[in-house]
Amino acid sequence: MMKIGVVVFPGSNCDHDCQHIFKDVLGQYVEMIWHKETLLAGLDAIVLPGGFSYGDYCGLARSRGSRR
């Protein structure tokens, strides 16, 4: 069994969808991770869910890629 981390950003709407797929459909352990968390040890994969964060024209990765 893999340990999957799903990153939760304010304004995103797909984090729970990702949790459902990995946990309920694929049977993997899922840990929801707040976007400011720095301790990621022990995870086999990290998922950055999509969704409409800060408007659908930007996208989650683009809006977070330039911020710290």
N, C-alpha and C. Protein backbone atom coordinates (compact mmCIF):
# COMPACT_ATOMS: atom_id res chain seq x y z
N MET A 1 0.85 -1.19 0.00
CA MET A 1 0.00 0.00 0.00
C MET A 1 0.89 1.25 0.00
N MET A 2 0.55 2.17 -0.86
CA MET A 2 1.28 3.44 -0.93
C MET A 2 0.68 4.45 0.04
N LYS A 3 1.50 5.39 0.45
CA LYS A 3 1.04 6.50 1.30
C LYS A 3 1.06 7.75 0.42
N ILE A 4 -0.14 8.25 0.10
CA ILE A 4 -0.31 9.37 -0.82
C ILE A 4 -0.62 10.63 -0.04
N GLY A 5 0.09 11.70 -0.32
CA GLY A 5 -0.20 13.00 0.27
C GLY A 5 -0.95 13.86 -0.73
N VAL A 6 -2.12 14.36 -0.36
CA VAL A 6 -2.89 15.25 -1.22
C VAL A 6 -2.80 16.65 -0.62
N VAL A 7 -2.21 17.58 -1.36
CA VAL A 7 -1.99 18.94 -0.88
C VAL A 7 -3.30 19.72 -0.97
N VAL A 8 -3.63 20.41 0.12
CA VAL A 8 -4.87 21.20 0.21
C VAL A 8 -4.50 22.68 0.14
N PHE A 9 -5.01 23.36 -0.89
CA PHE A 9 -4.82 24.79 -1.06
C PHE A 9 -6.15 25.50 -0.82
N PRO A 10 -6.12 26.71 -0.25
CA PRO A 10 -7.36 27.47 -0.14
C PRO A 10 -7.89 27.78 -1.54
N GLY A 11 -9.16 27.58 -1.75
CA GLY A 11 -9.77 27.89 -3.04
C GLY A 11 -9.80 26.74 -4.02
N SER A 12 -9.08 25.66 -3.73
CA SER A 12 -9.13 24.52 -4.66
C SER A 12 -10.38 23.69 -4.37
N ASN A 13 -10.82 22.94 -5.37
CA ASN A 13 -12.05 22.18 -5.17
C ASN A 13 -11.91 20.70 -5.52
N CYS A 14 -10.70 20.25 -5.76
CA CYS A 14 -10.52 18.85 -6.18
C CYS A 14 -9.76 18.01 -5.17
N ASP A 15 -9.40 18.58 -4.04
CA ASP A 15 -8.61 17.81 -3.07
C ASP A 15 -9.39 16.62 -2.52
N HIS A 16 -10.66 16.80 -2.23
CA HIS A 16 -11.46 15.68 -1.71
C HIS A 16 -11.77 14.65 -2.80
N ASP A 17 -11.85 15.11 -4.04
CA ASP A 17 -12.02 14.18 -5.16
C ASP A 17 -10.80 13.28 -5.27
N CYS A 18 -9.62 13.87 -5.16
CA CYS A 18 -8.38 13.08 -5.21
C CYS A 18 -8.31 12.11 -4.03
N GLN A 19 -8.69 12.58 -2.85
CA GLN A 19 -8.70 11.71 -1.68
C GLN A 19 -9.61 10.51 -1.92
N HIS A 20 -10.79 10.74 -2.45
CA HIS A 20 -11.74 9.66 -2.72
C HIS A 20 -11.17 8.63 -3.69
N ILE A 21 -10.58 9.09 -4.78
CA ILE A 21 -10.04 8.18 -5.78
C ILE A 21 -8.93 7.32 -5.20
N PHE A 22 -7.95 7.96 -4.56
CA PHE A 22 -6.82 7.20 -4.03
C PHE A 22 -7.21 6.28 -2.88
N LYS A 23 -8.10 6.74 -2.01
CA LYS A 23 -8.48 5.95 -0.83
C LYS A 23 -9.56 4.92 -1.15
N ASP A 24 -10.69 5.39 -1.64
CA ASP A 24 -11.86 4.52 -1.80
C ASP A 24 -11.83 3.67 -3.07
N VAL A 25 -11.27 4.20 -4.14
CA VAL A 25 -11.25 3.46 -5.41
C VAL A 25 -9.98 2.61 -5.52
N LEU A 26 -8.82 3.20 -5.21
CA LEU A 26 -7.56 2.49 -5.37
C LEU A 26 -7.06 1.81 -4.09
N GLY A 27 -7.70 2.10 -2.97
CA GLY A 27 -7.36 1.44 -1.71
C GLY A 27 -6.03 1.83 -1.10
N GLN A 28 -5.59 3.06 -1.34
CA GLN A 28 -4.32 3.53 -0.80
C GLN A 28 -4.56 4.39 0.44
N TYR A 29 -3.52 4.52 1.27
CA TYR A 29 -3.58 5.40 2.44
C TYR A 29 -3.41 6.83 1.95
N VAL A 30 -4.27 7.74 2.40
CA VAL A 30 -4.21 9.13 1.97
C VAL A 30 -4.08 10.04 3.19
N GLU A 31 -3.15 10.96 3.09
CA GLU A 31 -2.98 11.99 4.12
C GLU A 31 -3.21 13.34 3.46
N MET A 32 -4.14 14.11 4.00
CA MET A 32 -4.41 15.45 3.49
C MET A 32 -3.36 16.39 4.10
N ILE A 33 -2.70 17.16 3.25
CA ILE A 33 -1.58 18.00 3.68
C ILE A 33 -1.90 19.46 3.39
N TRP A 34 -1.88 20.30 4.41
CA TRP A 34 -2.09 21.73 4.23
C TRP A 34 -0.93 22.28 3.41
N HIS A 35 -1.17 23.23 2.53
CA HIS A 35 -0.18 23.70 1.57
C HIS A 35 1.07 24.31 2.21
N LYS A 36 1.02 24.69 3.46
CA LYS A 36 2.20 25.27 4.12
C LYS A 36 3.00 24.24 4.91
N GLU A 37 2.56 23.00 4.88
CA GLU A 37 3.26 21.92 5.60
C GLU A 37 4.64 21.69 4.97
N THR A 38 5.64 21.47 5.81
CA THR A 38 6.99 21.23 5.30
C THR A 38 7.48 19.82 5.59
N LEU A 39 6.80 19.10 6.45
CA LEU A 39 7.21 17.73 6.78
C LEU A 39 6.48 16.75 5.87
N LEU A 40 7.19 16.23 4.89
CA LEU A 40 6.59 15.33 3.92
C LEU A 40 7.23 13.95 3.95
N ALA A 41 8.02 13.68 4.96
CA ALA A 41 8.71 12.39 5.05
C ALA A 41 7.70 11.25 5.15
N GLY A 42 8.05 10.14 4.54
CA GLY A 42 7.21 8.95 4.63
C GLY A 42 6.15 8.84 3.56
N LEU A 43 6.02 9.85 2.72
CA LEU A 43 5.04 9.79 1.64
C LEU A 43 5.67 9.16 0.40
N ASP A 44 4.90 8.34 -0.29
CA ASP A 44 5.37 7.74 -1.53
C ASP A 44 5.08 8.62 -2.73
N ALA A 45 4.06 9.46 -2.63
CA ALA A 45 3.69 10.36 -3.72
C ALA A 45 2.98 11.58 -3.14
N ILE A 46 3.09 12.69 -3.84
CA ILE A 46 2.42 13.93 -3.45
C ILE A 46 1.57 14.37 -4.64
N VAL A 47 0.29 14.63 -4.38
CA VAL A 47 -0.64 15.04 -5.43
C VAL A 47 -0.99 16.51 -5.25
N LEU A 48 -0.84 17.28 -6.34
CA LEU A 48 -1.28 18.67 -6.37
C LEU A 48 -2.57 18.71 -7.18
N PRO A 49 -3.72 18.71 -6.50
CA PRO A 49 -4.98 18.67 -7.23
C PRO A 49 -5.21 19.94 -8.03
N GLY A 50 -5.98 19.81 -9.10
CA GLY A 50 -6.35 20.97 -9.91
C GLY A 50 -7.54 21.67 -9.29
N GLY A 51 -8.30 22.30 -10.11
CA GLY A 51 -9.47 23.01 -9.61
C GLY A 51 -9.33 24.50 -9.86
N PHE A 52 -10.31 25.24 -9.46
CA PHE A 52 -10.32 26.66 -9.72
C PHE A 52 -9.82 27.43 -8.51
N SER A 53 -8.54 27.60 -8.43
CA SER A 53 -7.94 28.37 -7.36
C SER A 53 -7.57 29.74 -7.90
N TYR A 54 -8.16 30.78 -7.36
CA TYR A 54 -7.91 32.14 -7.80
C TYR A 54 -8.29 32.34 -9.26
N GLY A 55 -9.37 31.72 -9.68
CA GLY A 55 -9.86 31.87 -11.04
C GLY A 55 -9.36 30.76 -11.94
N ASP A 56 -10.18 30.32 -12.85
CA ASP A 56 -9.80 29.19 -13.69
C ASP A 56 -8.78 29.56 -14.77
N TYR A 57 -8.52 30.83 -14.99
CA TYR A 57 -7.55 31.24 -15.99
C TYR A 57 -6.11 31.03 -15.51
N CYS A 58 -5.90 30.95 -14.19
CA CYS A 58 -4.55 30.78 -13.65
C CYS A 58 -4.20 29.32 -13.44
N GLY A 59 -5.07 28.60 -12.81
CA GLY A 59 -4.76 27.22 -12.46
C GLY A 59 -3.98 27.16 -11.16
N LEU A 60 -4.10 26.05 -10.48
CA LEU A 60 -3.48 25.89 -9.17
C LEU A 60 -1.96 25.93 -9.24
N ALA A 61 -1.37 25.16 -10.12
CA ALA A 61 0.09 25.08 -10.17
C ALA A 61 0.71 26.43 -10.53
N ARG A 62 0.11 27.12 -11.45
CA ARG A 62 0.66 28.41 -11.87
C ARG A 62 0.56 29.44 -10.74
N SER A 63 -0.57 29.47 -10.04
CA SER A 63 -0.73 30.46 -8.98
C SER A 63 0.15 30.17 -7.78
N ARG A 64 0.54 28.92 -7.57
CA ARG A 64 1.39 28.55 -6.45
C ARG A 64 2.86 28.42 -6.82
N GLY A 65 3.15 28.31 -8.09
CA GLY A 65 4.51 28.10 -8.53
C GLY A 65 5.43 29.28 -8.25
N SER A 66 4.88 30.47 -8.19
CA SER A 66 5.71 31.66 -7.99
C SER A 66 5.61 32.22 -6.58
N ARG A 67 4.94 31.51 -5.68
CA ARG A 67 4.77 32.00 -4.30
C ARG A 67 5.51 31.11 -3.32
N ARG A 68 5.82 31.64 -2.20
CA ARG A 68 6.46 30.87 -1.12
C ARG A 68 5.60 30.91 0.10
